[in-house]
Structures are given as C-alpha cells and as structure tokens.
Amino acid sequence: MSTPDNIHTEFHRMLGRDAKEAQLRQRGHVFWFYGLSGSGKSTLANAVERKLTERGILTKILDGDNIRSGLNRDLGFSDQDRQENIRRISEVARLFLDAGIVVFTSFITPKRDLRAAAAEIVGADDFTPVYVQASFEACAERDVKGLYAKAAAGGVKDFTGKDSSFEEPTTADNDWVVSTDSQTEQESINELLERILPLIELTANA
C-alpha cells in the first residue's frame, strides 16, 4: 500500500499550464455554480458553455448528478459525504484547470466551508463562486426532477432547504449572484458572459 514516503510527484517535469493556455489561446478558470436543486445551475452552465464554444473556447462541465453517477457514486448526502464529494470534484476541476480549460461546476454546495475548501484546492485566483439564487418555493414549483415532491413525502433524506440547511453568501464573500427568480434565462446568460469573458480571453499582449 502506498504511503507518502513512497509517492514522488512528477509535476515539475510536466508541460506547464502556461503552455497549454498559449496553445488553446485562452485562460483556464473554474466557475463554481452553486445553489438549491432546481435553481438553474445546470441550465445556465450548459447554455453558457455553448456560447463559449461558438467563440472557440474549450470548456468542461462537471455536473453534480453526473459525478454522483460515476466517480462519487459511493457517497451519500451526510455532512461527511458532502465534504468528500466537494473535495474530489475540486481536485478534478484543478486537473482541467491545469490543462488550460474553462471549467463550470454545478453542485448544491450548501455550506460556506465547503465552498471555501473548494477554493483552497483550486486556488482562489482561478476560482469564481457563482450563486444561482432562487427561493425554495420557486424551486419547489419548478421541481424539474420531482425531488421536492419526493422530499415533501419523506422520500428524500437530508434534502437541502428542508432537512439540511443552505447557507447563502454574504456581502463579504464577494460571490457572483445570478437570480433566476428575478430575471429571465437569457438575461442570466448575458450577465454571465459579460463577466466571464474578460477572465478567460487572452489579450493581444498576453
């Protein structure tokens, strides 16, 4: 069994991120979309990705349900499992970042300490948390996946917003906030693109 004494990393010999970004002609960045189930995280991530692809930008979406169906299928929704879920996906996001890729994640990430842990792993300069804001009532009305109805009937344990709390960002967090309660999907997409593009497009002097 491997121990830290037997691990010898090869990072120093690998082609660096700068070379990958120069090849792709873009800057890698991780945009961490979080919010209640049904708030619109995946919808916005997919829509923005398509717009960026039209501009020739290489992206990767890491979606919560997709990850839990494969890499993290052994995890539940206890506080400990949520912490491990976020740790693993943060490490995966950093791997894509190191390849110069623009990453969008879509995870509920209900606690501030979970978001802080993700930022620490990825690196604060390359990490932008995006709170996709929608009220519990609005998400329950949408109920795209039928989860709110199941939760109301007691069929979903540790359901965020009902059995498990969700901590909204404070002003001090400086997270981006996109409200799908108060604006249309297209307005949210336009707002995100306006803020994202300056962070990922290389300038002529870069």
Protein backbone atom coordinates (compact mmCIF):
# COMPACT_ATOMS: atom_id res chain seq x y z
CA MET A 1 0.00 0.00 0.00
CA SER A 2 1.29 3.46 -0.90
CA THR A 3 2.46 5.82 1.79
CA PRO A 4 3.52 9.48 1.45
CA ASP A 5 7.16 8.34 1.65
CA ASN A 6 6.67 6.27 -1.48
CA ILE A 7 4.99 8.98 -3.58
CA HIS A 8 7.21 11.01 -5.87
CA THR A 9 5.24 13.56 -7.88
CA GLU A 10 6.11 14.38 -11.50
CA PHE A 11 4.58 17.86 -11.66
CA HIS A 12 7.97 19.52 -12.13
CA ARG A 13 8.62 17.57 -15.35
CA MET A 14 5.26 18.10 -16.97
CA LEU A 15 4.39 20.71 -19.57
CA GLY A 16 3.09 23.71 -17.66
CA ARG A 17 -0.29 25.37 -17.70
CA ASP A 18 1.06 28.45 -19.49
CA ALA A 19 1.98 26.31 -22.48
CA LYS A 20 -1.48 24.74 -22.56
CA GLU A 21 -3.19 28.13 -22.38
CA ALA A 22 -0.99 29.50 -25.15
CA GLN A 23 -1.91 26.51 -27.31
CA LEU A 24 -5.63 26.96 -26.62
CA ARG A 25 -5.44 30.78 -26.74
CA GLN A 26 -7.49 31.12 -23.59
CA ARG A 27 -7.11 31.30 -19.83
CA GLY A 28 -8.25 28.42 -17.67
CA HIS A 29 -10.66 29.24 -14.86
CA VAL A 30 -13.12 27.44 -12.59
CA PHE A 31 -16.63 28.89 -12.26
CA TRP A 32 -18.31 27.14 -9.34
CA PHE A 33 -22.10 27.33 -9.81
CA TYR A 34 -23.95 26.56 -6.57
CA GLY A 35 -27.48 26.88 -5.25
CA LEU A 36 -30.59 24.89 -4.41
CA SER A 37 -31.69 21.96 -6.52
CA GLY A 38 -33.73 23.37 -9.39
CA SER A 39 -32.29 26.88 -9.14
CA GLY A 40 -30.93 26.70 -12.71
CA LYS A 41 -27.26 25.80 -12.18
CA SER A 42 -27.04 23.11 -14.84
CA THR A 43 -29.26 25.02 -17.27
CA LEU A 44 -27.05 28.09 -17.13
CA ALA A 45 -23.80 26.13 -17.23
CA ASN A 46 -24.90 24.29 -20.36
CA ALA A 47 -26.15 27.44 -22.07
CA VAL A 48 -23.01 29.45 -21.30
CA GLU A 49 -20.79 26.56 -22.41
CA ARG A 50 -22.47 26.54 -25.82
CA LYS A 51 -21.97 30.28 -26.22
CA LEU A 52 -18.28 29.96 -25.34
CA THR A 53 -17.84 27.00 -27.69
CA GLU A 54 -19.12 29.20 -30.52
CA ARG A 55 -16.19 31.50 -29.72
CA GLY A 56 -13.71 28.63 -29.90
CA ILE A 57 -13.20 28.34 -26.12
CA LEU A 58 -12.58 24.86 -24.72
CA THR A 59 -14.74 24.11 -21.69
CA LYS A 60 -15.75 21.28 -19.37
CA ILE A 61 -18.90 20.97 -17.24
CA LEU A 62 -18.71 18.94 -14.03
CA ASP A 63 -22.31 18.31 -13.04
CA GLY A 64 -23.36 17.04 -9.64
CA ASP A 65 -25.69 14.26 -10.78
CA ASN A 66 -23.24 13.10 -13.45
CA ILE A 67 -20.38 12.92 -10.96
CA ARG A 68 -22.51 11.10 -8.40
CA SER A 69 -23.47 8.51 -11.03
CA GLY A 70 -19.81 7.62 -11.56
CA LEU A 71 -16.79 8.93 -9.67
CA ASN A 72 -18.71 9.67 -6.47
CA ARG A 73 -21.42 7.02 -6.62
CA ASP A 74 -20.20 5.64 -3.30
CA LEU A 75 -21.13 8.85 -1.47
CA GLY A 76 -24.39 9.84 0.18
CA PHE A 77 -25.58 13.21 1.45
CA SER A 78 -24.36 13.28 5.02
CA ASP A 79 -22.14 16.21 6.00
CA GLN A 80 -19.08 13.97 5.78
CA ASP A 81 -20.03 12.63 2.35
CA ARG A 82 -20.80 16.11 1.04
CA GLN A 83 -17.35 17.21 2.18
CA GLU A 84 -15.68 14.32 0.37
CA ASN A 85 -17.83 14.91 -2.72
CA ILE A 86 -16.63 18.51 -2.93
CA ARG A 87 -13.01 17.56 -2.20
CA ARG A 88 -12.91 15.06 -5.05
CA ILE A 89 -14.58 17.30 -7.59
CA SER A 90 -12.33 20.21 -6.64
CA GLU A 91 -9.29 18.06 -7.38
CA VAL A 92 -10.81 17.07 -10.74
CA ALA A 93 -11.58 20.71 -11.54
CA ARG A 94 -7.97 21.62 -10.80
CA LEU A 95 -6.75 18.95 -13.24
CA PHE A 96 -8.81 20.51 -16.03
CA LEU A 97 -7.65 23.96 -14.96
CA ASP A 98 -4.02 22.86 -15.25
CA ALA A 99 -4.78 21.90 -18.85
CA GLY A 100 -5.95 25.46 -19.58
CA ILE A 101 -9.62 24.52 -19.76
CA VAL A 102 -12.53 26.69 -18.60
CA VAL A 103 -14.47 24.64 -16.04
CA PHE A 104 -18.08 25.01 -14.93
CA THR A 105 -19.27 23.04 -11.94
CA SER A 106 -22.88 22.54 -10.91
CA PHE A 107 -23.12 21.47 -7.26
CA ILE A 108 -25.50 22.50 -4.49
CA THR A 109 -22.50 23.16 -2.20
CA PRO A 110 -24.77 24.32 0.64
CA LYS A 111 -22.18 25.33 3.24
CA ARG A 112 -19.70 28.21 3.18
CA ASP A 113 -16.94 25.97 4.49
CA LEU A 114 -17.44 23.60 1.54
CA ARG A 115 -17.11 26.49 -0.92
CA ALA A 116 -14.03 27.73 0.91
CA ALA A 117 -12.50 24.26 0.76
CA ALA A 118 -13.10 24.09 -3.00
CA ALA A 119 -11.50 27.50 -3.48
CA GLU A 120 -8.47 26.43 -1.46
CA ILE A 121 -7.93 23.31 -3.57
CA VAL A 122 -8.45 25.03 -6.92
CA GLY A 123 -6.68 28.26 -5.93
CA ALA A 124 -8.52 31.48 -5.11
CA ASP A 125 -7.18 33.38 -8.14
CA ASP A 126 -8.63 30.78 -10.52
CA PHE A 127 -11.89 30.19 -8.69
CA THR A 128 -15.11 32.19 -9.04
CA PRO A 129 -18.12 31.08 -6.96
CA VAL A 130 -21.42 31.83 -8.70
CA TYR A 131 -24.55 31.66 -6.54
CA VAL A 132 -27.54 30.79 -8.71
CA GLN A 133 -30.22 32.26 -6.47
CA ALA A 134 -33.78 31.01 -6.38
CA SER A 135 -36.11 30.64 -3.42
CA PHE A 136 -37.03 27.22 -2.04
CA GLU A 137 -40.63 27.93 -3.05
CA ALA A 138 -39.68 28.76 -6.65
CA CYS A 139 -37.52 25.65 -6.95
CA ALA A 140 -40.30 23.51 -5.46
CA GLU A 141 -42.74 24.92 -8.01
CA ARG A 142 -40.37 24.11 -10.88
CA ASP A 143 -39.45 20.70 -9.43
CA VAL A 144 -37.89 19.58 -12.72
CA LYS A 145 -36.57 16.32 -11.23
CA GLY A 146 -39.52 15.63 -8.94
CA LEU A 147 -37.26 15.82 -5.89
CA TYR A 148 -39.29 18.39 -3.99
CA ALA A 149 -42.42 16.25 -4.22
CA LYS A 150 -40.44 13.23 -3.00
CA ALA A 151 -38.92 15.25 -0.17
CA ALA A 152 -42.33 16.51 0.91
CA ALA A 153 -43.49 12.91 1.08
CA GLY A 154 -40.46 11.92 3.12
CA GLY A 155 -38.82 10.02 0.29
CA VAL A 156 -35.56 12.01 0.19
CA LYS A 157 -33.30 12.18 3.24
CA ASP A 158 -31.12 15.21 4.11
CA PHE A 159 -32.85 17.31 1.44
CA THR A 160 -31.20 20.73 1.18
CA GLY A 161 -33.50 23.57 2.16
CA LYS A 162 -35.84 21.24 4.04
CA ASP A 163 -33.89 18.80 6.25
CA SER A 164 -30.42 20.22 5.63
CA SER A 165 -29.68 23.93 5.73
CA PHE A 166 -28.35 26.07 2.88
CA GLU A 167 -26.04 28.98 3.69
CA GLU A 168 -26.41 31.88 1.29
CA PRO A 169 -23.35 34.04 0.58
CA THR A 170 -22.83 37.27 2.46
CA THR A 171 -21.62 40.56 1.01
CA ALA A 172 -18.17 39.82 2.42
CA ASP A 173 -17.95 36.63 0.34
CA ASN A 174 -17.85 38.61 -2.93
CA ASP A 175 -19.52 35.74 -4.78
CA TRP A 176 -21.25 36.45 -8.06
CA VAL A 177 -25.03 36.27 -7.66
CA VAL A 178 -27.34 35.43 -10.55
CA SER A 179 -31.02 35.48 -9.60
CA THR A 180 -33.19 33.17 -11.66
CA ASP A 181 -36.12 34.39 -9.58
CA SER A 182 -35.90 37.95 -10.87
CA GLN A 183 -34.56 37.64 -14.42
CA THR A 184 -35.09 35.51 -17.49
CA GLU A 185 -32.77 32.71 -18.53
CA GLN A 186 -31.41 34.83 -21.39
CA GLU A 187 -30.76 37.76 -19.08
CA SER A 188 -28.82 35.44 -16.75
CA ILE A 189 -26.79 34.06 -19.67
CA ASN A 190 -25.95 37.54 -20.93
CA GLU A 191 -24.90 38.69 -17.46
CA LEU A 192 -22.64 35.67 -17.02
CA LEU A 193 -21.00 36.02 -20.41
CA GLU A 194 -20.28 39.70 -19.79
CA ARG A 195 -18.44 38.83 -16.59
CA ILE A 196 -16.81 35.58 -17.70
CA LEU A 197 -15.21 36.63 -20.98
CA PRO A 198 -12.71 39.15 -19.51
CA LEU A 199 -11.37 36.42 -17.22
CA ILE A 200 -10.75 33.80 -19.90
CA GLU A 201 -9.86 35.61 -23.12
CA LEU A 202 -6.20 36.21 -23.78
CA THR A 203 -5.30 39.76 -24.74
CA ALA A 204 -3.04 40.53 -27.69
CA ASN A 205 -0.15 41.19 -25.28
CA ALA A 206 -0.66 38.04 -23.21
